[in-house]
């Protein structure tokens, strides 16, 4: 476990130095400002005819853009982590035995997942803070904290699943261009194109679909996680099966990646 922790810590610190991070943070700041300042009027109008807390509905306004940005960040980190070190030759120095290979993959996954948890927490807290500044405070602080914490956990679980999947791409192929192409194909297939055209009912098993169903597990009312007229336990009971499947997928992707990487004779 000590080895896993050290690899996770080093990966977390390494990601913080990526030049892409400040650019993404700037985009997040712009979205948060637009959601807070630009969405305040819509929230006031919404408050006139709803009995729930209109403040929480503000998260639904930026739901699509925020989720896409955080997912792309997770895809980029997962897809480039192992191929980059293969390309730089550092893996030839680090990896000397199968046990260390396993620790290496798990440690990298934990470091990247920890970073995405921090990134998602900052993003959603900042969006919430600007909505409070431009609109008003929550009707119930406890309700606001519960639902915001659930949102952060769901988004982080989704990002961790995507990281595990794209790390698997990096294990399967040693060509960073192939891995990048596979990752871009995943973005198009799962987030942009209607994948049910090919998968049919199986499309419910894709990470993006499971993430969306966890946020709004039933048709009416829409986005019950952000709708305080829907009791929190009712939303959680409906969302729990989708969260369980998402967690199982994350574990399976990671397990397969560890297995394949540990069996390689060379890097």
C-alpha atoms as a PDB file:
ATOM      1  CA  UNK A   1       0.000   0.000   0.000  1.00  0.00           C
ATOM      2  CA  UNK A   2       2.892   2.365   0.677  1.00  0.00           C
ATOM      3  CA  UNK A   3       4.056   1.997  -2.923  1.00  0.00           C
ATOM      4  CA  UNK A   4       0.540   2.664  -4.226  1.00  0.00           C
ATOM      5  CA  UNK A   5       0.285   5.775  -2.057  1.00  0.00           C
ATOM      6  CA  UNK A   6       3.629   7.126  -3.292  1.00  0.00           C
ATOM      7  CA  UNK A   7       2.689   6.610  -6.942  1.00  0.00           C
ATOM      8  CA  UNK A   8      -0.724   8.215  -6.340  1.00  0.00           C
ATOM      9  CA  UNK A   9       0.874  11.214  -4.629  1.00  0.00           C
ATOM     10  CA  UNK A  10       3.423  11.695  -7.409  1.00  0.00           C
ATOM     11  CA  UNK A  11       0.727  11.429 -10.073  1.00  0.00           C
ATOM     12  CA  UNK A  12      -1.464  13.952  -8.256  1.00  0.00           C
ATOM     13  CA  UNK A  13       1.409  16.443  -7.997  1.00  0.00           C
ATOM     14  CA  UNK A  14       2.430  15.850 -11.618  1.00  0.00           C
ATOM     15  CA  UNK A  15      -1.060  16.596 -12.907  1.00  0.00           C
ATOM     16  CA  UNK A  16      -1.100  19.914 -11.041  1.00  0.00           C
ATOM     17  CA  UNK A  17       1.781  21.091 -13.248  1.00  0.00           C
ATOM     18  CA  UNK A  18       0.007  20.342 -16.552  1.00  0.00           C
ATOM     19  CA  UNK A  19      -0.173  23.518 -18.703  1.00  0.00           C
ATOM     20  CA  UNK A  20      -3.723  22.555 -19.681  1.00  0.00           C
ATOM     21  CA  UNK A  21      -5.023  22.907 -16.117  1.00  0.00           C
ATOM     22  CA  UNK A  22      -5.016  26.768 -15.965  1.00  0.00           C
ATOM     23  CA  UNK A  23      -6.821  26.913 -19.325  1.00  0.00           C
ATOM     24  CA  UNK A  24      -9.547  24.572 -18.128  1.00  0.00           C
ATOM     25  CA  UNK A  25      -9.865  26.506 -14.878  1.00  0.00           C
ATOM     26  CA  UNK A  26     -10.362  29.699 -16.902  1.00  0.00           C
ATOM     27  CA  UNK A  27     -13.150  28.039 -18.894  1.00  0.00           C
ATOM     28  CA  UNK A  28     -14.744  26.899 -15.634  1.00  0.00           C
ATOM     29  CA  UNK A  29     -14.584  30.457 -14.270  1.00  0.00           C
ATOM     30  CA  UNK A  30     -16.340  31.771 -17.370  1.00  0.00           C
ATOM     31  CA  UNK A  31     -19.077  29.135 -17.131  1.00  0.00           C
ATOM     32  CA  UNK A  32     -19.511  29.835 -13.416  1.00  0.00           C
ATOM     33  CA  UNK A  33     -19.816  33.576 -14.028  1.00  0.00           C
ATOM     34  CA  UNK A  34     -22.313  33.134 -16.847  1.00  0.00           C
ATOM     35  CA  UNK A  35     -24.286  30.692 -14.745  1.00  0.00           C
ATOM     36  CA  UNK A  36     -24.307  33.032 -11.757  1.00  0.00           C
ATOM     37  CA  UNK A  37     -24.740  36.447 -13.354  1.00  0.00           C
ATOM     38  CA  UNK A  38     -26.535  35.415 -16.528  1.00  0.00           C
ATOM     39  CA  UNK A  39     -28.735  32.794 -14.903  1.00  0.00           C
ATOM     40  CA  UNK A  40     -29.932  34.913 -11.968  1.00  0.00           C
ATOM     41  CA  UNK A  41     -32.834  36.362 -13.967  1.00  0.00           C
ATOM     42  CA  UNK A  42     -33.976  32.905 -15.045  1.00  0.00           C
ATOM     43  CA  UNK A  43     -33.795  31.677 -11.473  1.00  0.00           C
ATOM     44  CA  UNK A  44     -35.945  34.589 -10.270  1.00  0.00           C
ATOM     45  CA  UNK A  45     -38.534  33.775 -12.925  1.00  0.00           C
ATOM     46  CA  UNK A  46     -38.392  30.099 -12.023  1.00  0.00           C
ATOM     47  CA  UNK A  47     -38.861  30.920  -8.342  1.00  0.00           C
ATOM     48  CA  UNK A  48     -42.188  32.606  -9.072  1.00  0.00           C
ATOM     49  CA  UNK A  49     -43.915  29.373 -10.048  1.00  0.00           C
ATOM     50  CA  UNK A  50     -41.996  26.637  -8.215  1.00  0.00           C
ATOM     51  CA  UNK A  51     -42.285  25.541  -4.609  1.00  0.00           C
ATOM     52  CA  UNK A  52     -38.752  24.113  -4.546  1.00  0.00           C
ATOM     53  CA  UNK A  53     -35.460  25.904  -4.026  1.00  0.00           C
ATOM     54  CA  UNK A  54     -34.725  27.700  -7.288  1.00  0.00           C
ATOM     55  CA  UNK A  55     -31.056  28.092  -6.311  1.00  0.00           C
ATOM     56  CA  UNK A  56     -30.392  24.379  -6.735  1.00  0.00           C
ATOM     57  CA  UNK A  57     -32.016  24.455 -10.156  1.00  0.00           C
ATOM     58  CA  UNK A  58     -29.142  26.703 -11.205  1.00  0.00           C
ATOM     59  CA  UNK A  59     -26.873  23.669 -11.263  1.00  0.00           C
ATOM     60  CA  UNK A  60     -29.164  22.196 -13.892  1.00  0.00           C
ATOM     61  CA  UNK A  61     -28.494  25.207 -16.139  1.00  0.00           C
ATOM     62  CA  UNK A  62     -24.770  24.434 -16.345  1.00  0.00           C
ATOM     63  CA  UNK A  63     -25.155  20.655 -16.008  1.00  0.00           C
ATOM     64  CA  UNK A  64     -24.314  19.812 -19.622  1.00  0.00           C
ATOM     65  CA  UNK A  65     -21.328  22.141 -20.075  1.00  0.00           C
ATOM     66  CA  UNK A  66     -19.810  21.398 -16.672  1.00  0.00           C
ATOM     67  CA  UNK A  67     -20.159  17.640 -17.084  1.00  0.00           C
ATOM     68  CA  UNK A  68     -18.620  17.714 -20.558  1.00  0.00           C
ATOM     69  CA  UNK A  69     -15.587  19.760 -19.466  1.00  0.00           C
ATOM     70  CA  UNK A  70     -14.893  17.613 -16.402  1.00  0.00           C
ATOM     71  CA  UNK A  71     -15.292  14.427 -18.451  1.00  0.00           C
ATOM     72  CA  UNK A  72     -12.934  15.630 -21.184  1.00  0.00           C
ATOM     73  CA  UNK A  73     -10.399  16.506 -18.490  1.00  0.00           C
ATOM     74  CA  UNK A  74     -10.706  12.983 -17.051  1.00  0.00           C
ATOM     75  CA  UNK A  75     -10.376  11.433 -20.524  1.00  0.00           C
ATOM     76  CA  UNK A  76      -7.250  13.453 -21.281  1.00  0.00           C
ATOM     77  CA  UNK A  77      -5.599  12.502 -17.994  1.00  0.00           C
ATOM     78  CA  UNK A  78      -6.472   8.821 -18.275  1.00  0.00           C
ATOM     79  CA  UNK A  79      -5.489   8.513 -21.936  1.00  0.00           C
ATOM     80  CA  UNK A  80      -2.090  10.212 -21.694  1.00  0.00           C
ATOM     81  CA  UNK A  81      -0.860   8.962 -18.324  1.00  0.00           C
ATOM     82  CA  UNK A  82       0.678   5.571 -19.216  1.00  0.00           C
ATOM     83  CA  UNK A  83       1.457   6.229 -22.944  1.00  0.00           C
ATOM     84  CA  UNK A  84       3.411   9.384 -22.048  1.00  0.00           C
ATOM     85  CA  UNK A  85       5.698   7.526 -19.647  1.00  0.00           C
ATOM     86  CA  UNK A  86       6.115   4.760 -22.202  1.00  0.00           C
ATOM     87  CA  UNK A  87       7.139   7.363 -24.767  1.00  0.00           C
ATOM     88  CA  UNK A  88       9.558   9.086 -22.380  1.00  0.00           C
ATOM     89  CA  UNK A  89      11.140   5.753 -21.428  1.00  0.00           C
ATOM     90  CA  UNK A  90      10.612   6.209 -17.683  1.00  0.00           C
ATOM     91  CA  UNK A  91       8.637   2.963 -17.423  1.00  0.00           C
ATOM     92  CA  UNK A  92      11.727   0.962 -18.353  1.00  0.00           C
ATOM     93  CA  UNK A  93      13.352   2.272 -15.191  1.00  0.00           C
ATOM     94  CA  UNK A  94      10.340   2.021 -12.890  1.00  0.00           C
ATOM     95  CA  UNK A  95       8.825  -1.365 -13.680  1.00  0.00           C
ATOM     96  CA  UNK A  96      10.836  -4.391 -12.651  1.00  0.00           C
ATOM     97  CA  UNK A  97       8.275  -6.949 -11.439  1.00  0.00           C
ATOM     98  CA  UNK A  98       4.548  -7.793 -11.860  1.00  0.00           C
ATOM     99  CA  UNK A  99       3.672  -6.671  -8.335  1.00  0.00           C
ATOM    100  CA  UNK A 100       5.096  -3.240  -9.042  1.00  0.00           C
ATOM    101  CA  UNK A 101       3.168  -3.100 -12.316  1.00  0.00           C
ATOM    102  CA  UNK A 102      -0.060  -3.631 -10.411  1.00  0.00           C
ATOM    103  CA  UNK A 103       0.846  -0.975  -7.849  1.00  0.00           C
ATOM    104  CA  UNK A 104       1.804   1.374 -10.669  1.00  0.00           C
ATOM    105  CA  UNK A 105      -1.589   1.205 -12.424  1.00  0.00           C
ATOM    106  CA  UNK A 106      -3.616   1.374  -9.209  1.00  0.00           C
ATOM    107  CA  UNK A 107      -1.511   4.245  -7.880  1.00  0.00           C
ATOM    108  CA  UNK A 108      -1.891   6.248 -11.069  1.00  0.00           C
ATOM    109  CA  UNK A 109      -5.638   5.643 -11.053  1.00  0.00           C
ATOM    110  CA  UNK A 110      -5.950   6.787  -7.442  1.00  0.00           C
ATOM    111  CA  UNK A 111      -3.856   9.890  -8.083  1.00  0.00           C
ATOM    112  CA  UNK A 112      -5.890  10.907 -11.131  1.00  0.00           C
ATOM    113  CA  UNK A 113      -9.196  10.144  -9.391  1.00  0.00           C
ATOM    114  CA  UNK A 114      -8.108  12.184  -6.384  1.00  0.00           C
ATOM    115  CA  UNK A 115      -7.278  15.111  -8.631  1.00  0.00           C
ATOM    116  CA  UNK A 116     -10.657  14.897 -10.381  1.00  0.00           C
ATOM    117  CA  UNK A 117     -12.421  14.831  -7.007  1.00  0.00           C
ATOM    118  CA  UNK A 118     -10.615  18.047  -6.079  1.00  0.00           C
ATOM    119  CA  UNK A 119     -11.253  19.549  -9.519  1.00  0.00           C
ATOM    120  CA  UNK A 120     -14.974  18.713  -9.453  1.00  0.00           C
ATOM    121  CA  UNK A 121     -15.352  19.986  -5.894  1.00  0.00           C
ATOM    122  CA  UNK A 122     -13.745  23.316  -6.765  1.00  0.00           C
ATOM    123  CA  UNK A 123     -15.812  23.632  -9.947  1.00  0.00           C
ATOM    124  CA  UNK A 124     -19.196  22.991  -8.359  1.00  0.00           C
ATOM    125  CA  UNK A 125     -18.458  24.991  -5.209  1.00  0.00           C
ATOM    126  CA  UNK A 126     -17.409  27.965  -7.320  1.00  0.00           C
ATOM    127  CA  UNK A 127     -20.541  27.728  -9.456  1.00  0.00           C
ATOM    128  CA  UNK A 128     -22.654  27.527  -6.295  1.00  0.00           C
ATOM    129  CA  UNK A 129     -20.845  30.495  -4.729  1.00  0.00           C
ATOM    130  CA  UNK A 130     -21.458  32.740  -7.744  1.00  0.00           C
ATOM    131  CA  UNK A 131     -25.129  31.749  -7.876  1.00  0.00           C
ATOM    132  CA  UNK A 132     -25.436  32.730  -4.215  1.00  0.00           C
ATOM    133  CA  UNK A 133     -23.673  36.043  -4.908  1.00  0.00           C
ATOM    134  CA  UNK A 134     -25.887  36.980  -7.867  1.00  0.00           C
ATOM    135  CA  UNK A 135     -29.143  35.344  -6.748  1.00  0.00           C
ATOM    136  CA  UNK A 136     -29.576  34.484  -3.068  1.00  0.00           C
ATOM    137  CA  UNK A 137     -28.651  31.903  -0.464  1.00  0.00           C
ATOM    138  CA  UNK A 138     -30.242  28.457  -0.184  1.00  0.00           C
ATOM    139  CA  UNK A 139     -33.590  28.023   1.552  1.00  0.00           C
ATOM    140  CA  UNK A 140     -32.098  25.149   3.543  1.00  0.00           C
ATOM    141  CA  UNK A 141     -28.333  24.999   4.051  1.00  0.00           C
ATOM    142  CA  UNK A 142     -28.491  21.308   4.986  1.00  0.00           C
ATOM    143  CA  UNK A 143     -30.473  20.412   1.863  1.00  0.00           C
ATOM    144  CA  UNK A 144     -28.080  22.419  -0.279  1.00  0.00           C
ATOM    145  CA  UNK A 145     -25.019  20.691   1.208  1.00  0.00           C
ATOM    146  CA  UNK A 146     -26.534  17.208   0.858  1.00  0.00           C
ATOM    147  CA  UNK A 147     -27.457  17.645  -2.782  1.00  0.00           C
ATOM    148  CA  UNK A 148     -24.258  19.441  -3.761  1.00  0.00           C
ATOM    149  CA  UNK A 149     -22.170  16.730  -2.075  1.00  0.00           C
ATOM    150  CA  UNK A 150     -24.142  14.062  -3.946  1.00  0.00           C
ATOM    151  CA  UNK A 151     -23.563  15.910  -7.225  1.00  0.00           C
ATOM    152  CA  UNK A 152     -19.804  16.069  -6.563  1.00  0.00           C
ATOM    153  CA  UNK A 153     -19.644  12.358  -5.709  1.00  0.00           C
ATOM    154  CA  UNK A 154     -21.633  11.302  -8.793  1.00  0.00           C
ATOM    155  CA  UNK A 155     -19.536  13.440 -11.134  1.00  0.00           C
ATOM    156  CA  UNK A 156     -16.309  12.180  -9.555  1.00  0.00           C
ATOM    157  CA  UNK A 157     -17.450   8.549  -9.845  1.00  0.00           C
ATOM    158  CA  UNK A 158     -18.271   9.127 -13.503  1.00  0.00           C
ATOM    159  CA  UNK A 159     -14.857  10.742 -14.090  1.00  0.00           C
ATOM    160  CA  UNK A 160     -13.096   7.859 -12.320  1.00  0.00           C
ATOM    161  CA  UNK A 161     -14.901   5.379 -14.568  1.00  0.00           C
ATOM    162  CA  UNK A 162     -13.796   7.329 -17.630  1.00  0.00           C
ATOM    163  CA  UNK A 163     -10.218   7.468 -16.295  1.00  0.00           C
ATOM    164  CA  UNK A 164     -10.168   3.688 -15.795  1.00  0.00           C
ATOM    165  CA  UNK A 165     -11.539   3.121 -19.312  1.00  0.00           C
ATOM    166  CA  UNK A 166      -9.012   5.408 -20.973  1.00  0.00           C
ATOM    167  CA  UNK A 167      -6.142   4.010 -18.917  1.00  0.00           C
ATOM    168  CA  UNK A 168      -7.215   0.640 -20.314  1.00  0.00           C
ATOM    169  CA  UNK A 169      -6.829   2.105 -23.814  1.00  0.00           C
ATOM    170  CA  UNK A 170      -3.309   3.164 -22.803  1.00  0.00           C
ATOM    171  CA  UNK A 171      -2.492  -0.338 -21.596  1.00  0.00           C
ATOM    172  CA  UNK A 172      -3.800  -2.038 -24.742  1.00  0.00           C
ATOM    173  CA  UNK A 173      -1.914   0.216 -27.174  1.00  0.00           C
ATOM    174  CA  UNK A 174       1.596   1.635 -26.853  1.00  0.00           C
ATOM    175  CA  UNK A 175       0.932   4.226 -29.574  1.00  0.00           C
ATOM    176  CA  UNK A 176      -0.228   7.493 -28.020  1.00  0.00           C
ATOM    177  CA  UNK A 177      -1.937   8.492 -31.290  1.00  0.00           C
ATOM    178  CA  UNK A 178      -4.008   5.300 -31.248  1.00  0.00           C
ATOM    179  CA  UNK A 179      -4.932   5.875 -27.607  1.00  0.00           C
ATOM    180  CA  UNK A 180      -5.885   9.493 -28.311  1.00  0.00           C
ATOM    181  CA  UNK A 181      -8.011   8.434 -31.292  1.00  0.00           C
ATOM    182  CA  UNK A 182      -9.779   5.833 -29.160  1.00  0.00           C
ATOM    183  CA  UNK A 183     -10.471   8.451 -26.501  1.00  0.00           C
ATOM    184  CA  UNK A 184     -11.852  10.953 -29.009  1.00  0.00           C
ATOM    185  CA  UNK A 185     -14.031   8.213 -30.480  1.00  0.00           C
ATOM    186  CA  UNK A 186     -15.362   7.503 -27.004  1.00  0.00           C
ATOM    187  CA  UNK A 187     -16.248  11.183 -26.474  1.00  0.00           C
ATOM    188  CA  UNK A 188     -18.166  11.281 -29.754  1.00  0.00           C
ATOM    189  CA  UNK A 189     -19.852   7.934 -29.218  1.00  0.00           C
ATOM    190  CA  UNK A 190     -20.896   8.385 -25.588  1.00  0.00           C
ATOM    191  CA  UNK A 191     -21.432  12.151 -25.280  1.00  0.00           C
ATOM    192  CA  UNK A 192     -22.357  13.524 -28.707  1.00  0.00           C
ATOM    193  CA  UNK A 193     -23.816  10.837 -30.934  1.00  0.00           C
ATOM    194  CA  UNK A 194     -26.966   8.898 -30.026  1.00  0.00           C
ATOM    195  CA  UNK A 195     -25.345   5.573 -29.178  1.00  0.00           C
ATOM    196  CA  UNK A 196     -28.698   3.828 -28.772  1.00  0.00           C
ATOM    197  CA  UNK A 197     -28.827   3.632 -32.572  1.00  0.00           C
ATOM    198  CA  UNK A 198     -26.188   0.902 -32.393  1.00  0.00           C
ATOM    199  CA  UNK A 199     -26.423  -0.450 -28.858  1.00  0.00           C
ATOM    200  CA  UNK A 200     -30.176  -0.300 -28.422  1.00  0.00           C
ATOM    201  CA  UNK A 201     -31.146  -1.087 -24.825  1.00  0.00           C
ATOM    202  CA  UNK A 202     -27.484  -1.754 -23.976  1.00  0.00           C
ATOM    203  CA  UNK A 203     -26.777   1.982 -24.344  1.00  0.00           C
ATOM    204  CA  UNK A 204     -27.941   2.314 -20.738  1.00  0.00           C
ATOM    205  CA  UNK A 205     -24.625   0.740 -19.694  1.00  0.00           C
ATOM    206  CA  UNK A 206     -22.387   3.485 -21.110  1.00  0.00           C
ATOM    207  CA  UNK A 207     -20.781   5.760 -18.462  1.00  0.00           C
ATOM    208  CA  UNK A 208     -22.450   8.922 -19.754  1.00  0.00           C
ATOM    209  CA  UNK A 209     -25.917   7.343 -19.762  1.00  0.00           C
ATOM    210  CA  UNK A 210     -25.459   5.970 -16.254  1.00  0.00           C
ATOM    211  CA  UNK A 211     -24.232   9.374 -15.078  1.00  0.00           C
ATOM    212  CA  UNK A 212     -27.287  11.072 -16.555  1.00  0.00           C
ATOM    213  CA  UNK A 213     -29.668   8.502 -15.075  1.00  0.00           C
ATOM    214  CA  UNK A 214     -28.095   8.939 -11.650  1.00  0.00           C
ATOM    215  CA  UNK A 215     -28.829  12.673 -11.824  1.00  0.00           C
ATOM    216  CA  UNK A 216     -32.408  12.215 -13.052  1.00  0.00           C
ATOM    217  CA  UNK A 217     -33.439   8.564 -12.564  1.00  0.00           C
ATOM    218  CA  UNK A 218     -37.088   9.138 -13.456  1.00  0.00           C
ATOM    219  CA  UNK A 219     -38.797  11.205 -16.116  1.00  0.00           C
ATOM    220  CA  UNK A 220     -40.888  13.522 -13.950  1.00  0.00           C
ATOM    221  CA  UNK A 221     -39.919  15.811 -12.395  1.00  0.00           C
ATOM    222  CA  UNK A 222     -36.785  16.442 -14.426  1.00  0.00           C
ATOM    223  CA  UNK A 223     -33.424  16.659 -12.601  1.00  0.00           C
ATOM    224  CA  UNK A 224     -34.801  15.508  -9.210  1.00  0.00           C
ATOM    225  CA  UNK A 225     -31.339  15.823  -7.635  1.00  0.00           C
ATOM    226  CA  UNK A 226     -31.671  19.598  -8.029  1.00  0.00           C
ATOM    227  CA  UNK A 227     -35.412  19.665  -7.289  1.00  0.00           C
ATOM    228  CA  UNK A 228     -36.151  19.998  -3.573  1.00  0.00           C
ATOM    229  CA  UNK A 229     -39.815  19.103  -4.119  1.00  0.00           C
ATOM    230  CA  UNK A 230     -38.452  15.562  -4.561  1.00  0.00           C
ATOM    231  CA  UNK A 231     -37.270  14.209  -1.222  1.00  0.00           C
ATOM    232  CA  UNK A 232     -33.581  13.372  -1.134  1.00  0.00           C
ATOM    233  CA  UNK A 233     -34.075   9.752  -0.080  1.00  0.00           C
ATOM    234  CA  UNK A 234     -36.543   9.201  -2.943  1.00  0.00           C
ATOM    235  CA  UNK A 235     -33.998  10.443  -5.464  1.00  0.00           C
ATOM    236  CA  UNK A 236     -31.211   8.395  -3.840  1.00  0.00           C
ATOM    237  CA  UNK A 237     -33.262   5.186  -3.834  1.00  0.00           C
ATOM    238  CA  UNK A 238     -33.993   5.582  -7.541  1.00  0.00           C
ATOM    239  CA  UNK A 239     -30.404   6.542  -8.438  1.00  0.00           C
ATOM    240  CA  UNK A 240     -28.647   3.857  -6.377  1.00  0.00           C
ATOM    241  CA  UNK A 241     -28.872   1.029  -8.987  1.00  0.00           C
ATOM    242  CA  UNK A 242     -27.289   3.245 -11.653  1.00  0.00           C
ATOM    243  CA  UNK A 243     -24.535   4.330  -9.259  1.00  0.00           C
ATOM    244  CA  UNK A 244     -23.852   0.687  -8.401  1.00  0.00           C
ATOM    245  CA  UNK A 245     -23.510  -0.260 -12.077  1.00  0.00           C
ATOM    246  CA  UNK A 246     -21.227   2.727 -12.684  1.00  0.00           C
ATOM    247  CA  UNK A 247     -19.014   1.663  -9.771  1.00  0.00           C
ATOM    248  CA  UNK A 248     -18.867  -1.930 -11.035  1.00  0.00           C
ATOM    249  CA  UNK A 249     -17.863  -0.708 -14.505  1.00  0.00           C
ATOM    250  CA  UNK A 250     -15.092   1.421 -13.010  1.00  0.00           C
ATOM    251  CA  UNK A 251     -13.790  -1.553 -11.016  1.00  0.00           C
ATOM    252  CA  UNK A 252     -13.900  -3.880 -14.037  1.00  0.00           C
ATOM    253  CA  UNK A 253     -12.074  -1.420 -16.323  1.00  0.00           C
ATOM    254  CA  UNK A 254      -9.374  -0.976 -13.683  1.00  0.00           C
ATOM    255  CA  UNK A 255      -9.120  -4.719 -13.013  1.00  0.00           C
ATOM    256  CA  UNK A 256      -8.713  -5.558 -16.707  1.00  0.00           C
ATOM    257  CA  UNK A 257      -6.117  -2.812 -17.104  1.00  0.00           C
ATOM    258  CA  UNK A 258      -4.117  -4.100 -14.139  1.00  0.00           C
ATOM    259  CA  UNK A 259      -4.322  -7.689 -15.419  1.00  0.00           C
ATOM    260  CA  UNK A 260      -3.171  -6.848 -18.949  1.00  0.00           C
ATOM    261  CA  UNK A 261      -0.403  -4.521 -17.812  1.00  0.00           C
ATOM    262  CA  UNK A 262       0.932  -7.064 -15.306  1.00  0.00           C
ATOM    263  CA  UNK A 263       1.184  -9.734 -18.018  1.00  0.00           C
ATOM    264  CA  UNK A 264       3.271  -7.646 -20.421  1.00  0.00           C
ATOM    265  CA  UNK A 265       6.860  -8.754 -20.946  1.00  0.00           C
ATOM    266  CA  UNK A 266       8.016  -5.292 -21.948  1.00  0.00           C
ATOM    267  CA  UNK A 267       6.807  -1.712 -21.847  1.00  0.00           C
END
